[in-house]
């Protein structure tokens, strides 16, 4: 199955949303978080060529955002044996990806055991 072409972002949509009168307005906290999640997932997909399955963590930083994005790396049958990876994605305040790294590889059926 081919991955969908990522949407292109315009620079004006990075810091404001348009209101009913087409004037800029400030984003709410929820809108900022949702925007950061979409931005991290779309840009990582462009770099890896694989569609992210989910964003498992998101936190604001002084310089922007950090997100943990889950990606299917090797598809296997049964699905529980597929190889997944977690990537830490760093975005600047404008939502541009400035760094990413793979922090973990695991099988889809694996459960974290934390004491």
PDB file of N, CA and C in Angstrom:
ATOM      1  N   UNK A   1       0.836  -1.171   0.000  1.00  0.00           N
ATOM      2  CA  UNK A   1       0.000   0.000   0.000  1.00  0.00           C
ATOM      3  C   UNK A   1       0.885   1.240   0.000  1.00  0.00           C
ATOM      4  N   UNK A   2       0.665   2.140  -0.923  1.00  0.00           N
ATOM      5  CA  UNK A   2       1.504   3.334  -1.057  1.00  0.00           C
ATOM      6  C   UNK A   2       1.124   4.359   0.000  1.00  0.00           C
ATOM      7  N   UNK A   3       2.119   5.069   0.499  1.00  0.00           N
ATOM      8  CA  UNK A   3       1.893   6.105   1.502  1.00  0.00           C
ATOM      9  C   UNK A   3       1.312   7.336   0.831  1.00  0.00           C
ATOM     10  N   UNK A   4       0.429   8.018   1.539  1.00  0.00           N
ATOM     11  CA  UNK A   4      -0.166   9.238   1.013  1.00  0.00           C
ATOM     12  C   UNK A   4       0.895  10.319   0.930  1.00  0.00           C
ATOM     13  N   UNK A   5       0.785  11.145  -0.068  1.00  0.00           N
ATOM     14  CA  UNK A   5       1.707  12.261  -0.244  1.00  0.00           C
ATOM     15  C   UNK A   5       1.504  13.246   0.899  1.00  0.00           C
ATOM     16  N   UNK A   6       2.558  13.629   1.623  1.00  0.00           N
ATOM     17  CA  UNK A   6       2.411  14.555   2.741  1.00  0.00           C
ATOM     18  C   UNK A   6       1.929  15.918   2.269  1.00  0.00           C
ATOM     19  N   UNK A   7       1.127  16.549   3.108  1.00  0.00           N
ATOM     20  CA  UNK A   7       0.635  17.882   2.771  1.00  0.00           C
ATOM     21  C   UNK A   7       1.760  18.883   2.902  1.00  0.00           C
ATOM     22  N   UNK A   8       1.758  19.870   2.074  1.00  0.00           N
ATOM     23  CA  UNK A   8       2.732  20.958   2.165  1.00  0.00           C
ATOM     24  C   UNK A   8       2.150  22.032   3.057  1.00  0.00           C
ATOM     25  N   UNK A   9       2.990  22.570   3.943  1.00  0.00           N
ATOM     26  CA  UNK A   9       2.544  23.607   4.850  1.00  0.00           C
ATOM     27  C   UNK A   9       2.948  24.963   4.310  1.00  0.00           C
ATOM     28  N   UNK A  10       2.070  25.922   4.451  1.00  0.00           N
ATOM     29  CA  UNK A  10       2.456  27.283   4.099  1.00  0.00           C
ATOM     30  C   UNK A  10       3.016  27.938   5.348  1.00  0.00           C
ATOM     31  N   UNK A  11       3.919  28.884   5.159  1.00  0.00           N
ATOM     32  CA  UNK A  11       4.552  29.505   6.313  1.00  0.00           C
ATOM     33  C   UNK A  11       3.552  30.269   7.164  1.00  0.00           C
ATOM     34  N   UNK A  12       2.469  30.783   6.571  1.00  0.00           N
ATOM     35  CA  UNK A  12       1.505  31.532   7.356  1.00  0.00           C
ATOM     36  C   UNK A  12       0.693  30.644   8.276  1.00  0.00           C
ATOM     37  N   UNK A  13       0.572  29.340   7.985  1.00  0.00           N
ATOM     38  CA  UNK A  13      -0.219  28.460   8.840  1.00  0.00           C
ATOM     39  C   UNK A  13       0.581  27.978  10.038  1.00  0.00           C
ATOM     40  N   UNK A  14       1.841  28.305  10.120  1.00  0.00           N
ATOM     41  CA  UNK A  14       2.667  27.799  11.213  1.00  0.00           C
ATOM     42  C   UNK A  14       2.387  28.483  12.530  1.00  0.00           C
ATOM     43  N   UNK A  15       2.137  29.780  12.534  1.00  0.00           N
ATOM     44  CA  UNK A  15       2.019  30.470  13.803  1.00  0.00           C
ATOM     45  C   UNK A  15       0.597  30.924  14.114  1.00  0.00           C
ATOM     46  N   UNK A  16      -0.291  30.924  13.134  1.00  0.00           N
ATOM     47  CA  UNK A  16      -1.651  31.364  13.388  1.00  0.00           C
ATOM     48  C   UNK A  16      -2.623  30.511  12.597  1.00  0.00           C
ATOM     49  N   UNK A  17      -3.872  30.491  13.050  1.00  0.00           N
ATOM     50  CA  UNK A  17      -4.972  29.930  12.284  1.00  0.00           C
ATOM     51  C   UNK A  17      -5.770  31.101  11.746  1.00  0.00           C
ATOM     52  N   UNK A  18      -6.490  30.867  10.706  1.00  0.00           N
ATOM     53  CA  UNK A  18      -7.327  31.930  10.164  1.00  0.00           C
ATOM     54  C   UNK A  18      -8.714  31.874  10.796  1.00  0.00           C
ATOM     55  N   UNK A  19      -9.220  33.018  11.202  1.00  0.00           N
ATOM     56  CA  UNK A  19     -10.552  33.104  11.772  1.00  0.00           C
ATOM     57  C   UNK A  19     -11.576  33.330  10.683  1.00  0.00           C
ATOM     58  N   UNK A  20     -12.854  33.528  11.049  1.00  0.00           N
ATOM     59  CA  UNK A  20     -13.915  33.709  10.067  1.00  0.00           C
ATOM     60  C   UNK A  20     -13.718  34.922   9.180  1.00  0.00           C
ATOM     61  N   UNK A  21     -12.974  35.925   9.636  1.00  0.00           N
ATOM     62  CA  UNK A  21     -12.745  37.114   8.825  1.00  0.00           C
ATOM     63  C   UNK A  21     -11.396  37.058   8.125  1.00  0.00           C
ATOM     64  N   UNK A  22     -10.767  35.864   8.110  1.00  0.00           N
ATOM     65  CA  UNK A  22      -9.457  35.670   7.514  1.00  0.00           C
ATOM     66  C   UNK A  22      -8.346  36.439   8.203  1.00  0.00           C
ATOM     67  N   UNK A  23      -8.620  36.930   9.395  1.00  0.00           N
ATOM     68  CA  UNK A  23      -7.571  37.581  10.176  1.00  0.00           C
ATOM     69  C   UNK A  23      -6.873  36.545  11.037  1.00  0.00           C
ATOM     70  N   UNK A  24      -5.608  36.753  11.349  1.00  0.00           N
ATOM     71  CA  UNK A  24      -4.900  35.782  12.188  1.00  0.00           C
ATOM     72  C   UNK A  24      -5.430  35.801  13.610  1.00  0.00           C
ATOM     73  N   UNK A  25      -5.412  34.649  14.265  1.00  0.00           N
ATOM     74  CA  UNK A  25      -5.748  34.562  15.679  1.00  0.00           C
ATOM     75  C   UNK A  25      -4.767  33.603  16.331  1.00  0.00           C
ATOM     76  N   UNK A  26      -4.616  33.714  17.631  1.00  0.00           N
ATOM     77  CA  UNK A  26      -3.679  32.854  18.359  1.00  0.00           C
ATOM     78  C   UNK A  26      -4.262  31.463  18.501  1.00  0.00           C
ATOM     79  N   UNK A  27      -3.425  30.451  18.412  1.00  0.00           N
ATOM     80  CA  UNK A  27      -3.847  29.064  18.598  1.00  0.00           C
ATOM     81  C   UNK A  27      -4.017  28.765  20.071  1.00  0.00           C
ATOM     82  N   UNK A  28      -4.986  27.898  20.369  1.00  0.00           N
ATOM     83  CA  UNK A  28      -5.135  27.421  21.741  1.00  0.00           C
ATOM     84  C   UNK A  28      -4.075  26.363  22.007  1.00  0.00           C
ATOM     85  N   UNK A  29      -3.892  25.967  23.258  1.00  0.00           N
ATOM     86  CA  UNK A  29      -2.915  24.942  23.614  1.00  0.00           C
ATOM     87  C   UNK A  29      -3.176  23.634  22.890  1.00  0.00           C
ATOM     88  N   UNK A  30      -4.456  23.216  22.806  1.00  0.00           N
ATOM     89  CA  UNK A  30      -4.799  21.978  22.112  1.00  0.00           C
ATOM     90  C   UNK A  30      -4.461  22.072  20.628  1.00  0.00           C
ATOM     91  N   UNK A  31      -4.759  23.184  20.016  1.00  0.00           N
ATOM     92  CA  UNK A  31      -4.484  23.358  18.581  1.00  0.00           C
ATOM     93  C   UNK A  31      -2.984  23.340  18.321  1.00  0.00           C
ATOM     94  N   UNK A  32      -2.204  23.941  19.213  1.00  0.00           N
ATOM     95  CA  UNK A  32      -0.748  23.933  19.057  1.00  0.00           C
ATOM     96  C   UNK A  32      -0.214  22.517  19.138  1.00  0.00           C
ATOM     97  N   UNK A  33      -0.708  21.745  20.095  1.00  0.00           N
ATOM     98  CA  UNK A  33      -0.248  20.362  20.254  1.00  0.00           C
ATOM     99  C   UNK A  33      -0.626  19.521  19.037  1.00  0.00           C
ATOM    100  N   UNK A  34      -1.851  19.648  18.567  1.00  0.00           N
ATOM    101  CA  UNK A  34      -2.292  18.886  17.393  1.00  0.00           C
ATOM    102  C   UNK A  34      -1.468  19.268  16.169  1.00  0.00           C
ATOM    103  N   UNK A  35      -1.190  20.549  16.018  1.00  0.00           N
ATOM    104  CA  UNK A  35      -0.372  21.035  14.905  1.00  0.00           C
ATOM    105  C   UNK A  35       1.041  20.463  14.991  1.00  0.00           C
ATOM    106  N   UNK A  36       1.617  20.419  16.202  1.00  0.00           N
ATOM    107  CA  UNK A  36       2.969  19.888  16.383  1.00  0.00           C
ATOM    108  C   UNK A  36       3.009  18.391  16.069  1.00  0.00           C
ATOM    109  N   UNK A  37       1.986  17.648  16.479  1.00  0.00           N
ATOM    110  CA  UNK A  37       1.914  16.218  16.187  1.00  0.00           C
ATOM    111  C   UNK A  37       1.878  15.980  14.687  1.00  0.00           C
ATOM    112  N   UNK A  38       1.007  16.694  13.980  1.00  0.00           N
ATOM    113  CA  UNK A  38       0.903  16.541  12.518  1.00  0.00           C
ATOM    114  C   UNK A  38       2.211  16.912  11.842  1.00  0.00           C
ATOM    115  N   UNK A  39       2.816  17.997  12.291  1.00  0.00           N
ATOM    116  CA  UNK A  39       4.061  18.468  11.694  1.00  0.00           C
ATOM    117  C   UNK A  39       5.174  17.432  11.861  1.00  0.00           C
ATOM    118  N   UNK A  40       5.313  16.882  13.065  1.00  0.00           N
ATOM    119  CA  UNK A  40       6.352  15.883  13.330  1.00  0.00           C
ATOM    120  C   UNK A  40       6.138  14.635  12.474  1.00  0.00           C
ATOM    121  N   UNK A  41       4.905  14.142  12.423  1.00  0.00           N
ATOM    122  CA  UNK A  41       4.606  12.917  11.675  1.00  0.00           C
ATOM    123  C   UNK A  41       4.819  13.113  10.175  1.00  0.00           C
ATOM    124  N   UNK A  42       4.350  14.229   9.628  1.00  0.00           N
ATOM    125  CA  UNK A  42       4.481  14.480   8.190  1.00  0.00           C
ATOM    126  C   UNK A  42       5.938  14.608   7.761  1.00  0.00           C
ATOM    127  N   UNK A  43       6.717  15.352   8.528  1.00  0.00           N
ATOM    128  CA  UNK A  43       8.116  15.568   8.142  1.00  0.00           C
ATOM    129  C   UNK A  43       8.952  14.303   8.307  1.00  0.00           C
ATOM    130  N   UNK A  44       8.673  13.508   9.341  1.00  0.00           N
ATOM    131  CA  UNK A  44       9.389  12.247   9.510  1.00  0.00           C
ATOM    132  C   UNK A  44       9.050  11.298   8.361  1.00  0.00           C
ATOM    133  N   UNK A  45       7.789  11.289   7.938  1.00  0.00           N
ATOM    134  CA  UNK A  45       7.395  10.453   6.808  1.00  0.00           C
ATOM    135  C   UNK A  45       8.160  10.847   5.540  1.00  0.00           C
ATOM    136  N   UNK A  46       8.323  12.129   5.316  1.00  0.00           N
ATOM    137  CA  UNK A  46       9.084  12.595   4.148  1.00  0.00           C
ATOM    138  C   UNK A  46      10.519  12.063   4.183  1.00  0.00           C
ATOM    139  N   UNK A  47      11.135  12.072   5.346  1.00  0.00           N
ATOM    140  CA  UNK A  47      12.532  11.643   5.465  1.00  0.00           C
ATOM    141  C   UNK A  47      12.696  10.128   5.396  1.00  0.00           C
ATOM    142  N   UNK A  48      11.800   9.382   6.046  1.00  0.00           N
ATOM    143  CA  UNK A  48      11.938   7.932   6.114  1.00  0.00           C
ATOM    144  C   UNK A  48      11.282   7.198   4.953  1.00  0.00           C
ATOM    145  N   UNK A  49      10.282   7.828   4.347  1.00  0.00           N
ATOM    146  CA  UNK A  49       9.526   7.148   3.291  1.00  0.00           C
ATOM    147  C   UNK A  49       8.557   6.114   3.848  1.00  0.00           C
ATOM    148  N   UNK A  50       8.277   6.181   5.138  1.00  0.00           N
ATOM    149  CA  UNK A  50       7.327   5.273   5.796  1.00  0.00           C
ATOM    150  C   UNK A  50       6.321   6.110   6.567  1.00  0.00           C
ATOM    151  N   UNK A  51       5.064   5.692   6.515  1.00  0.00           N
ATOM    152  CA  UNK A  51       4.013   6.432   7.217  1.00  0.00           C
ATOM    153  C   UNK A  51       4.049   6.118   8.711  1.00  0.00           C
ATOM    154  N   UNK A  52       4.082   7.129   9.560  1.00  0.00           N
ATOM    155  CA  UNK A  52       4.015   6.898  10.994  1.00  0.00           C
ATOM    156  C   UNK A  52       2.668   6.285  11.377  1.00  0.00           C
ATOM    157  N   UNK A  53       2.689   5.427  12.382  1.00  0.00           N
ATOM    158  CA  UNK A  53       1.451   4.809  12.860  1.00  0.00           C
ATOM    159  C   UNK A  53       0.811   5.622  13.970  1.00  0.00           C
ATOM    160  N   UNK A  54       1.636   6.257  14.812  1.00  0.00           N
ATOM    161  CA  UNK A  54       1.097   7.061  15.898  1.00  0.00           C
ATOM    162  C   UNK A  54       2.183   7.957  16.474  1.00  0.00           C
ATOM    163  N   UNK A  55       1.741   8.916  17.269  1.00  0.00           N
ATOM    164  CA  UNK A  55       2.652   9.745  18.059  1.00  0.00           C
ATOM    165  C   UNK A  55       2.379   9.375  19.502  1.00  0.00           C
ATOM    166  N   UNK A  56       3.368   8.801  20.167  1.00  0.00           N
ATOM    167  CA  UNK A  56       3.156   8.282  21.522  1.00  0.00           C
ATOM    168  C   UNK A  56       3.523   9.273  22.611  1.00  0.00           C
ATOM    169  N   UNK A  57       4.223  10.335  22.269  1.00  0.00           N
ATOM    170  CA  UNK A  57       4.569  11.350  23.271  1.00  0.00           C
ATOM    171  C   UNK A  57       4.799  12.684  22.577  1.00  0.00           C
ATOM    172  N   UNK A  58       4.469  13.747  23.292  1.00  0.00           N
ATOM    173  CA  UNK A  58       4.693  15.100  22.787  1.00  0.00           C
ATOM    174  C   UNK A  58       4.927  15.998  23.984  1.00  0.00           C
ATOM    175  N   UNK A  59       5.972  16.838  23.891  1.00  0.00           N
ATOM    176  CA  UNK A  59       6.188  17.811  24.963  1.00  0.00           C
ATOM    177  C   UNK A  59       6.774  19.080  24.384  1.00  0.00           C
ATOM    178  N   UNK A  60       6.336  20.221  24.923  1.00  0.00           N
ATOM    179  CA  UNK A  60       6.928  21.490  24.500  1.00  0.00           C
ATOM    180  C   UNK A  60       8.313  21.638  25.126  1.00  0.00           C
ATOM    181  N   UNK A  61       9.201  22.309  24.408  1.00  0.00           N
ATOM    182  CA  UNK A  61      10.529  22.612  24.919  1.00  0.00           C
ATOM    183  C   UNK A  61      10.748  24.119  24.792  1.00  0.00           C
ATOM    184  N   UNK A  62      11.864  24.594  25.301  1.00  0.00           N
ATOM    185  CA  UNK A  62      12.171  26.023  25.160  1.00  0.00           C
ATOM    186  C   UNK A  62      12.303  26.432  23.703  1.00  0.00           C
ATOM    187  N   UNK A  63      12.770  25.491  22.865  1.00  0.00           N
ATOM    188  CA  UNK A  63      13.045  25.806  21.462  1.00  0.00           C
ATOM    189  C   UNK A  63      11.968  25.327  20.495  1.00  0.00           C
ATOM    190  N   UNK A  64      10.918  24.652  21.000  1.00  0.00           N
ATOM    191  CA  UNK A  64       9.875  24.146  20.110  1.00  0.00           C
ATOM    192  C   UNK A  64       9.146  22.961  20.718  1.00  0.00           C
ATOM    193  N   UNK A  65       9.305  21.781  20.084  1.00  0.00           N
ATOM    194  CA  UNK A  65       8.593  20.577  20.526  1.00  0.00           C
ATOM    195  C   UNK A  65       9.484  19.343  20.363  1.00  0.00           C
ATOM    196  N   UNK A  66       9.210  18.322  21.189  1.00  0.00           N
ATOM    197  CA  UNK A  66       9.789  16.994  21.025  1.00  0.00           C
ATOM    198  C   UNK A  66       8.640  16.002  20.958  1.00  0.00           C
ATOM    199  N   UNK A  67       8.708  15.087  19.990  1.00  0.00           N
ATOM    200  CA  UNK A  67       7.662  14.081  19.830  1.00  0.00           C
ATOM    201  C   UNK A  67       8.303  12.718  19.646  1.00  0.00           C
ATOM    202  N   UNK A  68       7.662  11.686  20.177  1.00  0.00           N
ATOM    203  CA  UNK A  68       8.048  10.303  19.925  1.00  0.00           C
ATOM    204  C   UNK A  68       7.041   9.739  18.937  1.00  0.00           C
ATOM    205  N   UNK A  69       7.541   9.305  17.788  1.00  0.00           N
ATOM    206  CA  UNK A  69       6.694   8.847  16.695  1.00  0.00           C
ATOM    207  C   UNK A  69       6.950   7.362  16.452  1.00  0.00           C
ATOM    208  N   UNK A  70       5.881   6.572  16.396  1.00  0.00           N
ATOM    209  CA  UNK A  70       5.971   5.132  16.173  1.00  0.00           C
ATOM    210  C   UNK A  70       5.829   4.833  14.681  1.00  0.00           C
ATOM    211  N   UNK A  71       6.778   4.050  14.141  1.00  0.00           N
ATOM    212  CA  UNK A  71       6.825   3.761  12.709  1.00  0.00           C
ATOM    213  C   UNK A  71       6.964   2.251  12.498  1.00  0.00           C
ATOM    214  N   UNK A  72       6.213   1.710  11.549  1.00  0.00           N
ATOM    215  CA  UNK A  72       6.363   0.310  11.156  1.00  0.00           C
ATOM    216  C   UNK A  72       7.600   0.205  10.271  1.00  0.00           C
ATOM    217  N   UNK A  73       8.607  -0.550  10.704  1.00  0.00           N
ATOM    218  CA  UNK A  73       9.851  -0.675   9.940  1.00  0.00           C
ATOM    219  C   UNK A  73       9.879  -1.928   9.079  1.00  0.00           C
ATOM    220  N   UNK A  74       9.414  -3.070   9.618  1.00  0.00           N
ATOM    221  CA  UNK A  74       9.406  -4.333   8.868  1.00  0.00           C
ATOM    222  C   UNK A  74       8.054  -4.999   9.105  1.00  0.00           C
ATOM    223  N   UNK A  75       7.280  -5.136   8.038  1.00  0.00           N
ATOM    224  CA  UNK A  75       5.967  -5.769   8.162  1.00  0.00           C
ATOM    225  C   UNK A  75       6.114  -7.284   8.075  1.00  0.00           C
ATOM    226  N   UNK A  76       5.530  -7.973   9.031  1.00  0.00           N
ATOM    227  CA  UNK A  76       5.602  -9.437   9.080  1.00  0.00           C
ATOM    228  C   UNK A  76       4.220 -10.017   9.344  1.00  0.00           C
ATOM    229  N   UNK A  77       4.101 -11.330   9.094  1.00  0.00           N
ATOM    230  CA  UNK A  77       2.880 -12.063   9.406  1.00  0.00           C
ATOM    231  C   UNK A  77       3.255 -13.108  10.430  1.00  0.00           C
ATOM    232  N   UNK A  78       2.565 -13.188  11.539  1.00  0.00           N
ATOM    233  CA  UNK A  78       1.445 -12.344  11.971  1.00  0.00           C
ATOM    234  C   UNK A  78       1.915 -10.940  12.351  1.00  0.00           C
ATOM    235  N   UNK A  79       0.959 -10.011  12.387  1.00  0.00           N
ATOM    236  CA  UNK A  79       1.279  -8.600  12.658  1.00  0.00           C
ATOM    237  C   UNK A  79       2.019  -8.395  13.969  1.00  0.00           C
ATOM    238  N   UNK A  80       1.761  -9.251  14.950  1.00  0.00           N
ATOM    239  CA  UNK A  80       2.399  -9.081  16.262  1.00  0.00           C
ATOM    240  C   UNK A  80       3.906  -9.262  16.204  1.00  0.00           C
ATOM    241  N   UNK A  81       4.423  -9.799  15.093  1.00  0.00           N
ATOM    242  CA  UNK A  81       5.875  -9.962  14.954  1.00  0.00           C
ATOM    243  C   UNK A  81       6.508  -8.881  14.078  1.00  0.00           C
ATOM    244  N   UNK A  82       5.693  -7.960  13.584  1.00  0.00           N
ATOM    245  CA  UNK A  82       6.235  -6.844  12.793  1.00  0.00           C
ATOM    246  C   UNK A  82       7.191  -6.016  13.642  1.00  0.00           C
ATOM    247  N   UNK A  83       8.213  -5.440  13.007  1.00  0.00           N
ATOM    248  CA  UNK A  83       9.209  -4.635  13.717  1.00  0.00           C
ATOM    249  C   UNK A  83       8.792  -3.171  13.667  1.00  0.00           C
ATOM    250  N   UNK A  84       8.700  -2.584  14.855  1.00  0.00           N
ATOM    251  CA  UNK A  84       8.326  -1.192  15.005  1.00  0.00           C
ATOM    252  C   UNK A  84       9.542  -0.410  15.501  1.00  0.00           C
ATOM    253  N   UNK A  85       9.485   0.900  15.348  1.00  0.00           N
ATOM    254  CA  UNK A  85      10.556   1.757  15.873  1.00  0.00           C
ATOM    255  C   UNK A  85       9.944   3.031  16.437  1.00  0.00           C
ATOM    256  N   UNK A  86      10.578   3.532  17.468  1.00  0.00           N
ATOM    257  CA  UNK A  86      10.215   4.826  18.034  1.00  0.00           C
ATOM    258  C   UNK A  86      11.288   5.822  17.618  1.00  0.00           C
ATOM    259  N   UNK A  87      10.855   6.934  17.036  1.00  0.00           N
ATOM    260  CA  UNK A  87      11.766   8.010  16.646  1.00  0.00           C
ATOM    261  C   UNK A  87      11.469   9.236  17.495  1.00  0.00           C
ATOM    262  N   UNK A  88      12.512   9.846  18.058  1.00  0.00           N
ATOM    263  CA  UNK A  88      12.390  11.120  18.761  1.00  0.00           C
ATOM    264  C   UNK A  88      12.601  12.217  17.729  1.00  0.00           C
ATOM    265  N   UNK A  89      11.586  13.057  17.557  1.00  0.00           N
ATOM    266  CA  UNK A  89      11.606  14.132  16.565  1.00  0.00           C
ATOM    267  C   UNK A  89      11.647  15.461  17.300  1.00  0.00           C
ATOM    268  N   UNK A  90      12.569  16.334  16.909  1.00  0.00           N
ATOM    269  CA  UNK A  90      12.696  17.664  17.500  1.00  0.00           C
ATOM    270  C   UNK A  90      12.281  18.698  16.470  1.00  0.00           C
ATOM    271  N   UNK A  91      11.323  19.537  16.856  1.00  0.00           N
ATOM    272  CA  UNK A  91      10.841  20.623  15.996  1.00  0.00           C
ATOM    273  C   UNK A  91      11.215  21.961  16.604  1.00  0.00           C
ATOM    274  N   UNK A  92      11.490  22.941  15.729  1.00  0.00           N
ATOM    275  CA  UNK A  92      11.709  24.296  16.244  1.00  0.00           C
ATOM    276  C   UNK A  92      10.348  24.960  16.469  1.00  0.00           C
ATOM    277  N   UNK A  93      10.342  26.219  16.890  1.00  0.00           N
ATOM    278  CA  UNK A  93       9.095  26.918  17.202  1.00  0.00           C
ATOM    279  C   UNK A  93       8.190  27.095  15.991  1.00  0.00           C
ATOM    280  N   UNK A  94       8.783  27.091  14.796  1.00  0.00           N
ATOM    281  CA  UNK A  94       7.992  27.229  13.574  1.00  0.00           C
ATOM    282  C   UNK A  94       7.456  25.893  13.081  1.00  0.00           C
ATOM    283  N   UNK A  95       7.838  24.804  13.750  1.00  0.00           N
ATOM    284  CA  UNK A  95       7.360  23.482  13.363  1.00  0.00           C
ATOM    285  C   UNK A  95       8.246  22.764  12.371  1.00  0.00           C
ATOM    286  N   UNK A  96       9.427  23.292  12.107  1.00  0.00           N
ATOM    287  CA  UNK A  96      10.348  22.642  11.178  1.00  0.00           C
ATOM    288  C   UNK A  96      11.179  21.601  11.918  1.00  0.00           C
ATOM    289  N   UNK A  97      11.346  20.432  11.326  1.00  0.00           N
ATOM    290  CA  UNK A  97      12.132  19.368  11.917  1.00  0.00           C
ATOM    291  C   UNK A  97      13.604  19.774  11.916  1.00  0.00           C
ATOM    292  N   UNK A  98      14.219  19.731  13.079  1.00  0.00           N
ATOM    293  CA  UNK A  98      15.636  20.088  13.183  1.00  0.00           C
ATOM    294  C   UNK A  98      16.498  18.879  13.534  1.00  0.00           C
ATOM    295  N   UNK A  99      15.870  17.805  14.064  1.00  0.00           N
ATOM    296  CA  UNK A  99      16.618  16.592  14.397  1.00  0.00           C
ATOM    297  C   UNK A  99      15.654  15.436  14.580  1.00  0.00           C
ATOM    298  N   UNK A 100      16.171  14.229  14.317  1.00  0.00           N
ATOM    299  CA  UNK A 100      15.421  13.028  14.667  1.00  0.00           C
ATOM    300  C   UNK A 100      16.405  11.907  14.906  1.00  0.00           C
ATOM    301  N   UNK A 101      16.000  10.950  15.749  1.00  0.00           N
ATOM    302  CA  UNK A 101      16.832   9.781  16.004  1.00  0.00           C
ATOM    303  C   UNK A 101      15.932   8.610  16.380  1.00  0.00           C
ATOM    304  N   UNK A 102      16.350   7.414  15.990  1.00  0.00           N
ATOM    305  CA  UNK A 102      15.623   6.228  16.398  1.00  0.00           C
ATOM    306  C   UNK A 102      16.075   5.893  17.812  1.00  0.00           C
ATOM    307  N   UNK A 103      15.124   5.785  18.723  1.00  0.00           N
ATOM    308  CA  UNK A 103      15.457   5.544  20.122  1.00  0.00           C
ATOM    309  C   UNK A 103      15.142   4.122  20.563  1.00  0.00           C
ATOM    310  N   UNK A 104      14.346   3.396  19.764  1.00  0.00           N
ATOM    311  CA  UNK A 104      13.941   2.064  20.189  1.00  0.00           C
ATOM    312  C   UNK A 104      13.434   1.263  19.000  1.00  0.00           C
ATOM    313  N   UNK A 105      13.731  -0.048  18.988  1.00  0.00           N
ATOM    314  CA  UNK A 105      13.134  -0.999  18.031  1.00  0.00           C
ATOM    315  C   UNK A 105      12.506  -2.115  18.851  1.00  0.00           C
ATOM    316  N   UNK A 106      11.356  -2.584  18.410  1.00  0.00           N
ATOM    317  CA  UNK A 106      10.638  -3.607  19.163  1.00  0.00           C
ATOM    318  C   UNK A 106       9.637  -4.305  18.251  1.00  0.00           C
ATOM    319  N   UNK A 107       9.149  -5.465  18.683  1.00  0.00           N
ATOM    320  CA  UNK A 107       8.090  -6.125  17.921  1.00  0.00           C
ATOM    321  C   UNK A 107       6.756  -5.542  18.350  1.00  0.00           C
ATOM    322  N   UNK A 108       5.817  -5.510  17.424  1.00  0.00           N
ATOM    323  CA  UNK A 108       4.513  -4.894  17.687  1.00  0.00           C
ATOM    324  C   UNK A 108       3.840  -5.509  18.920  1.00  0.00           C
ATOM    325  N   UNK A 109       3.992  -6.790  19.146  1.00  0.00           N
ATOM    326  CA  UNK A 109       3.342  -7.453  20.252  1.00  0.00           C
ATOM    327  C   UNK A 109       4.041  -7.298  21.591  1.00  0.00           C
ATOM    328  N   UNK A 110       5.157  -6.594  21.618  1.00  0.00           N
ATOM    329  CA  UNK A 110       5.946  -6.443  22.845  1.00  0.00           C
ATOM    330  C   UNK A 110       5.304  -5.453  23.794  1.00  0.00           C
ATOM    331  N   UNK A 111       5.309  -5.783  25.080  1.00  0.00           N
ATOM    332  CA  UNK A 111       4.764  -4.910  26.106  1.00  0.00           C
ATOM    333  C   UNK A 111       5.909  -4.393  26.962  1.00  0.00           C
ATOM    334  N   UNK A 112       5.915  -3.069  27.228  1.00  0.00           N
ATOM    335  CA  UNK A 112       6.926  -2.506  28.127  1.00  0.00           C
ATOM    336  C   UNK A 112       6.672  -2.988  29.546  1.00  0.00           C
ATOM    337  N   UNK A 113       7.710  -3.401  30.202  1.00  0.00           N
ATOM    338  CA  UNK A 113       7.610  -3.841  31.606  1.00  0.00           C
ATOM    339  C   UNK A 113       8.380  -2.834  32.446  1.00  0.00           C
ATOM    340  N   UNK A 114       7.632  -2.005  33.142  1.00  0.00           N
ATOM    341  CA  UNK A 114       8.252  -0.990  34.001  1.00  0.00           C
ATOM    342  C   UNK A 114       7.853  -1.282  35.435  1.00  0.00           C
ATOM    343  N   UNK A 115       8.824  -1.275  36.312  1.00  0.00           N
ATOM    344  CA  UNK A 115       8.620  -1.683  37.690  1.00  0.00           C
ATOM    345  C   UNK A 115       8.108  -0.626  38.547  1.00  0.00           C
TER     346      UNK A 115
END
